[in-house]
Amino acid sequence: MLPFHKTSKMRKRTRRSHHAVVGVQVNRCPKCSQSKLPHRMCANCGYVNKSLSLVVNEDQE
């Protein structure tokens, strides 16, 4: 069956207003000031939080 009334452009676009693409948020590492994702380890220095730092091994080719 077809809809009884045509859905207007405004009603359709208002319904889809939450579908916008949002960019990725980036934070600065407090130790080396490189950009990193929030709640993730810094890829440059391995800093996670003030009580935990991980060792980062660089690939040698």
PDB file of N, CA and C in Angstrom:
ATOM      1  N   MET A   1       0.822  -1.181   0.000  1.00  0.00           N
ATOM      2  CA  MET A   1       0.000   0.000   0.000  1.00  0.00           C
ATOM      3  C   MET A   1       0.871   1.251   0.000  1.00  0.00           C
ATOM      4  N   LEU A   2       0.364   2.282  -0.568  1.00  0.00           N
ATOM      5  CA  LEU A   2       1.053   3.557  -0.602  1.00  0.00           C
ATOM      6  C   LEU A   2       0.608   4.429   0.556  1.00  0.00           C
ATOM      7  N   PRO A   3       1.488   5.372   0.979  1.00  0.00           N
ATOM      8  CA  PRO A   3       1.079   6.287   2.036  1.00  0.00           C
ATOM      9  C   PRO A   3      -0.077   7.170   1.572  1.00  0.00           C
ATOM     10  N   PHE A   4      -0.939   7.529   2.504  1.00  0.00           N
ATOM     11  CA  PHE A   4      -2.116   8.326   2.173  1.00  0.00           C
ATOM     12  C   PHE A   4      -1.727   9.758   1.824  1.00  0.00           C
ATOM     13  N   HIS A   5      -0.779  10.318   2.592  1.00  0.00           N
ATOM     14  CA  HIS A   5      -0.324  11.683   2.348  1.00  0.00           C
ATOM     15  C   HIS A   5       1.151  11.664   1.975  1.00  0.00           C
ATOM     16  N   LYS A   6       1.536  12.599   1.136  1.00  0.00           N
ATOM     17  CA  LYS A   6       2.936  12.725   0.770  1.00  0.00           C
ATOM     18  C   LYS A   6       3.691  13.358   1.947  1.00  0.00           C
ATOM     19  N   THR A   7       4.881  12.817   2.254  1.00  0.00           N
ATOM     20  CA  THR A   7       5.726  13.396   3.289  1.00  0.00           C
ATOM     21  C   THR A   7       6.483  14.571   2.700  1.00  0.00           C
ATOM     22  N   SER A   8       6.350  15.727   3.312  1.00  0.00           N
ATOM     23  CA  SER A   8       6.985  16.926   2.774  1.00  0.00           C
ATOM     24  C   SER A   8       8.497  16.856   2.949  1.00  0.00           C
ATOM     25  N   LYS A   9       9.209  17.696   2.199  1.00  0.00           N
ATOM     26  CA  LYS A   9      10.671  17.727   2.279  1.00  0.00           C
ATOM     27  C   LYS A   9      11.130  18.163   3.666  1.00  0.00           C
ATOM     28  N   MET A  10      10.450  19.128   4.240  1.00  0.00           N
ATOM     29  CA  MET A  10      10.851  19.613   5.559  1.00  0.00           C
ATOM     30  C   MET A  10      10.669  18.537   6.623  1.00  0.00           C
ATOM     31  N   ARG A  11       9.568  17.827   6.588  1.00  0.00           N
ATOM     32  CA  ARG A  11       9.325  16.775   7.579  1.00  0.00           C
ATOM     33  C   ARG A  11      10.362  15.659   7.438  1.00  0.00           C
ATOM     34  N   LYS A  12      10.685  15.325   6.202  1.00  0.00           N
ATOM     35  CA  LYS A  12      11.669  14.277   5.943  1.00  0.00           C
ATOM     36  C   LYS A  12      13.052  14.710   6.413  1.00  0.00           C
ATOM     37  N   ARG A  13      13.438  15.945   6.131  1.00  0.00           N
ATOM     38  CA  ARG A  13      14.760  16.436   6.513  1.00  0.00           C
ATOM     39  C   ARG A  13      14.871  16.667   8.015  1.00  0.00           C
ATOM     40  N   THR A  14      13.779  17.047   8.668  1.00  0.00           N
ATOM     41  CA  THR A  14      13.782  17.206  10.111  1.00  0.00           C
ATOM     42  C   THR A  14      13.984  15.862  10.797  1.00  0.00           C
ATOM     43  N   ARG A  15      13.394  14.843  10.260  1.00  0.00           N
ATOM     44  CA  ARG A  15      13.546  13.502  10.820  1.00  0.00           C
ATOM     45  C   ARG A  15      14.983  13.023  10.687  1.00  0.00           C
ATOM     46  N   ARG A  16      15.649  13.431   9.635  1.00  0.00           N
ATOM     47  CA  ARG A  16      17.016  12.985   9.382  1.00  0.00           C
ATOM     48  C   ARG A  16      18.063  13.943   9.933  1.00  0.00           C
ATOM     49  N   SER A  17      17.680  14.871  10.777  1.00  0.00           N
ATOM     50  CA  SER A  17      18.629  15.868  11.280  1.00  0.00           C
ATOM     51  C   SER A  17      19.687  15.259  12.189  1.00  0.00           C
ATOM     52  N   HIS A  18      19.462  14.066  12.729  1.00  0.00           N
ATOM     53  CA  HIS A  18      20.415  13.420  13.621  1.00  0.00           C
ATOM     54  C   HIS A  18      21.412  12.550  12.873  1.00  0.00           C
ATOM     55  N   HIS A  19      21.355  12.490  11.551  1.00  0.00           N
ATOM     56  CA  HIS A  19      22.194  11.600  10.763  1.00  0.00           C
ATOM     57  C   HIS A  19      23.482  12.276  10.287  1.00  0.00           C
ATOM     58  N   ALA A  20      23.796  13.447  10.791  1.00  0.00           N
ATOM     59  CA  ALA A  20      24.969  14.178  10.337  1.00  0.00           C
ATOM     60  C   ALA A  20      26.245  13.450  10.750  1.00  0.00           C
ATOM     61  N   VAL A  21      27.286  13.557   9.934  1.00  0.00           N
ATOM     62  CA  VAL A  21      28.572  12.950  10.220  1.00  0.00           C
ATOM     63  C   VAL A  21      29.343  13.874  11.160  1.00  0.00           C
ATOM     64  N   VAL A  22      29.890  13.293  12.228  1.00  0.00           N
ATOM     65  CA  VAL A  22      30.626  14.057  13.227  1.00  0.00           C
ATOM     66  C   VAL A  22      32.095  13.666  13.144  1.00  0.00           C
ATOM     67  N   GLY A  23      32.970  14.640  13.221  1.00  0.00           N
ATOM     68  CA  GLY A  23      34.405  14.378  13.141  1.00  0.00           C
ATOM     69  C   GLY A  23      34.938  13.697  14.390  1.00  0.00           C
ATOM     70  N   VAL A  24      36.144  13.148  14.277  1.00  0.00           N
ATOM     71  CA  VAL A  24      36.788  12.461  15.383  1.00  0.00           C
ATOM     72  C   VAL A  24      37.404  13.495  16.317  1.00  0.00           C
ATOM     73  N   GLN A  25      37.168  13.342  17.615  1.00  0.00           N
ATOM     74  CA  GLN A  25      37.770  14.248  18.589  1.00  0.00           C
ATOM     75  C   GLN A  25      39.184  13.785  18.893  1.00  0.00           C
ATOM     76  N   VAL A  26      40.090  14.737  19.011  1.00  0.00           N
ATOM     77  CA  VAL A  26      41.487  14.432  19.263  1.00  0.00           C
ATOM     78  C   VAL A  26      41.947  15.245  20.463  1.00  0.00           C
ATOM     79  N   ASN A  27      42.695  14.598  21.375  1.00  0.00           N
ATOM     80  CA  ASN A  27      43.267  15.270  22.541  1.00  0.00           C
ATOM     81  C   ASN A  27      44.777  15.358  22.381  1.00  0.00           C
ATOM     82  N   ARG A  28      45.399  16.171  23.211  1.00  0.00           N
ATOM     83  CA  ARG A  28      46.857  16.290  23.237  1.00  0.00           C
ATOM     84  C   ARG A  28      47.412  15.414  24.364  1.00  0.00           C
ATOM     85  N   CYS A  29      48.516  14.751  24.085  1.00  0.00           N
ATOM     86  CA  CYS A  29      49.204  13.970  25.109  1.00  0.00           C
ATOM     87  C   CYS A  29      49.868  14.951  26.083  1.00  0.00           C
ATOM     88  N   PRO A  30      49.684  14.781  27.402  1.00  0.00           N
ATOM     89  CA  PRO A  30      50.272  15.730  28.345  1.00  0.00           C
ATOM     90  C   PRO A  30      51.795  15.655  28.430  1.00  0.00           C
ATOM     91  N   LYS A  31      52.391  14.537  27.986  1.00  0.00           N
ATOM     92  CA  LYS A  31      53.844  14.415  28.058  1.00  0.00           C
ATOM     93  C   LYS A  31      54.537  14.938  26.810  1.00  0.00           C
ATOM     94  N   CYS A  32      54.092  14.509  25.632  1.00  0.00           N
ATOM     95  CA  CYS A  32      54.818  14.850  24.402  1.00  0.00           C
ATOM     96  C   CYS A  32      54.047  15.800  23.489  1.00  0.00           C
ATOM     97  N   SER A  33      52.820  16.152  23.845  1.00  0.00           N
ATOM     98  CA  SER A  33      51.978  17.092  23.089  1.00  0.00           C
ATOM     99  C   SER A  33      51.613  16.617  21.690  1.00  0.00           C
ATOM    100  N   GLN A  34      51.706  15.328  21.441  1.00  0.00           N
ATOM    101  CA  GLN A  34      51.240  14.775  20.174  1.00  0.00           C
ATOM    102  C   GLN A  34      49.737  14.542  20.263  1.00  0.00           C
ATOM    103  N   SER A  35      49.059  14.517  19.129  1.00  0.00           N
ATOM    104  CA  SER A  35      47.625  14.265  19.145  1.00  0.00           C
ATOM    105  C   SER A  35      47.362  12.781  19.357  1.00  0.00           C
ATOM    106  N   LYS A  36      46.318  12.477  20.124  1.00  0.00           N
ATOM    107  CA  LYS A  36      45.940  11.088  20.400  1.00  0.00           C
ATOM    108  C   LYS A  36      44.438  11.020  20.603  1.00  0.00           C
ATOM    109  N   LEU A  37      43.869   9.833  20.437  1.00  0.00           N
ATOM    110  CA  LEU A  37      42.455   9.632  20.682  1.00  0.00           C
ATOM    111  C   LEU A  37      42.199   9.604  22.193  1.00  0.00           C
ATOM    112  N   PRO A  38      41.053  10.098  22.641  1.00  0.00           N
ATOM    113  CA  PRO A  38      40.778  10.080  24.081  1.00  0.00           C
ATOM    114  C   PRO A  38      40.638   8.650  24.611  1.00  0.00           C
ATOM    115  N   HIS A  39      41.121   8.424  25.813  1.00  0.00           N
ATOM    116  CA  HIS A  39      41.082   7.114  26.492  1.00  0.00           C
ATOM    117  C   HIS A  39      41.908   6.074  25.748  1.00  0.00           C
ATOM    118  N   ARG A  40      42.931   6.493  25.043  1.00  0.00           N
ATOM    119  CA  ARG A  40      43.817   5.578  24.327  1.00  0.00           C
ATOM    120  C   ARG A  40      45.262   5.889  24.696  1.00  0.00           C
ATOM    121  N   MET A  41      46.133   4.942  24.398  1.00  0.00           N
ATOM    122  CA  MET A  41      47.554   5.133  24.632  1.00  0.00           C
ATOM    123  C   MET A  41      48.117   6.071  23.567  1.00  0.00           C
ATOM    124  N   CYS A  42      49.077   6.889  23.948  1.00  0.00           N
ATOM    125  CA  CYS A  42      49.760   7.757  22.988  1.00  0.00           C
ATOM    126  C   CYS A  42      50.682   6.888  22.141  1.00  0.00           C
ATOM    127  N   ALA A  43      50.584   6.985  20.835  1.00  0.00           N
ATOM    128  CA  ALA A  43      51.405   6.165  19.941  1.00  0.00           C
ATOM    129  C   ALA A  43      52.855   6.633  19.924  1.00  0.00           C
ATOM    130  N   ASN A  44      53.105   7.861  20.331  1.00  0.00           N
ATOM    131  CA  ASN A  44      54.464   8.395  20.282  1.00  0.00           C
ATOM    132  C   ASN A  44      55.268   8.011  21.520  1.00  0.00           C
ATOM    133  N   CYS A  45      54.718   8.231  22.716  1.00  0.00           N
ATOM    134  CA  CYS A  45      55.492   7.997  23.944  1.00  0.00           C
ATOM    135  C   CYS A  45      54.941   6.869  24.812  1.00  0.00           C
ATOM    136  N   GLY A  46      53.722   6.378  24.561  1.00  0.00           N
ATOM    137  CA  GLY A  46      53.157   5.279  25.325  1.00  0.00           C
ATOM    138  C   GLY A  46      52.443   5.700  26.592  1.00  0.00           C
ATOM    139  N   TYR A  47      52.183   6.978  26.774  1.00  0.00           N
ATOM    140  CA  TYR A  47      51.524   7.481  27.979  1.00  0.00           C
ATOM    141  C   TYR A  47      50.040   7.109  27.962  1.00  0.00           C
ATOM    142  N   VAL A  48      49.536   6.584  29.093  1.00  0.00           N
ATOM    143  CA  VAL A  48      48.121   6.247  29.224  1.00  0.00           C
ATOM    144  C   VAL A  48      47.475   7.153  30.280  1.00  0.00           C
ATOM    145  N   ASN A  49      47.968   7.080  31.508  1.00  0.00           N
ATOM    146  CA  ASN A  49      47.559   7.999  32.575  1.00  0.00           C
ATOM    147  C   ASN A  49      48.739   8.177  33.519  1.00  0.00           C
ATOM    148  N   LYS A  50      48.577   8.977  34.563  1.00  0.00           N
ATOM    149  CA  LYS A  50      49.738   9.312  35.380  1.00  0.00           C
ATOM    150  C   LYS A  50      50.320   8.132  36.146  1.00  0.00           C
ATOM    151  N   SER A  51      49.567   7.054  36.314  1.00  0.00           N
ATOM    152  CA  SER A  51      50.108   5.890  37.020  1.00  0.00           C
ATOM    153  C   SER A  51      50.489   4.754  36.077  1.00  0.00           C
ATOM    154  N   LEU A  52      50.351   4.955  34.756  1.00  0.00           N
ATOM    155  CA  LEU A  52      50.629   3.870  33.825  1.00  0.00           C
ATOM    156  C   LEU A  52      51.209   4.417  32.533  1.00  0.00           C
ATOM    157  N   SER A  53      52.341   3.874  32.137  1.00  0.00           N
ATOM    158  CA  SER A  53      52.939   4.178  30.839  1.00  0.00           C
ATOM    159  C   SER A  53      53.390   2.860  30.227  1.00  0.00           C
ATOM    160  N   LEU A  54      53.179   2.693  28.944  1.00  0.00           N
ATOM    161  CA  LEU A  54      53.537   1.473  28.252  1.00  0.00           C
ATOM    162  C   LEU A  54      54.762   1.706  27.389  1.00  0.00           C
ATOM    163  N   VAL A  55      55.525   0.639  27.141  1.00  0.00           N
ATOM    164  CA  VAL A  55      56.716   0.740  26.309  1.00  0.00           C
ATOM    165  C   VAL A  55      56.294   0.607  24.865  1.00  0.00           C
ATOM    166  N   VAL A  56      56.743   1.546  24.029  1.00  0.00           N
ATOM    167  CA  VAL A  56      56.407   1.532  22.612  1.00  0.00           C
ATOM    168  C   VAL A  56      57.626   1.051  21.855  1.00  0.00           C
ATOM    169  N   ASN A  57      57.485  -0.061  21.117  1.00  0.00           N
ATOM    170  CA  ASN A  57      58.556  -0.563  20.284  1.00  0.00           C
ATOM    171  C   ASN A  57      58.395  -0.051  18.878  1.00  0.00           C
ATOM    172  N   GLU A  58      59.463   0.503  18.321  1.00  0.00           N
ATOM    173  CA  GLU A  58      59.394   0.986  16.957  1.00  0.00           C
ATOM    174  C   GLU A  58      59.857  -0.124  16.021  1.00  0.00           C
ATOM    175  N   ASP A  59      59.150  -0.287  14.913  1.00  0.00           N
ATOM    176  CA  ASP A  59      59.522  -1.309  13.937  1.00  0.00           C
ATOM    177  C   ASP A  59      60.766  -0.869  13.192  1.00  0.00           C
ATOM    178  N   GLN A  60      61.756  -1.746  13.168  1.00  0.00           N
ATOM    179  CA  GLN A  60      62.986  -1.445  12.439  1.00  0.00           C
ATOM    180  C   GLN A  60      63.000  -2.269  11.177  1.00  0.00           C
ATOM    181  N   GLU A  61      63.151  -1.595  10.057  1.00  0.00           N
ATOM    182  CA  GLU A  61      63.128  -2.295   8.765  1.00  0.00           C
ATOM    183  C   GLU A  61      64.453  -2.166   8.081  1.00  0.00           C
TER     184      GLU A  61
END
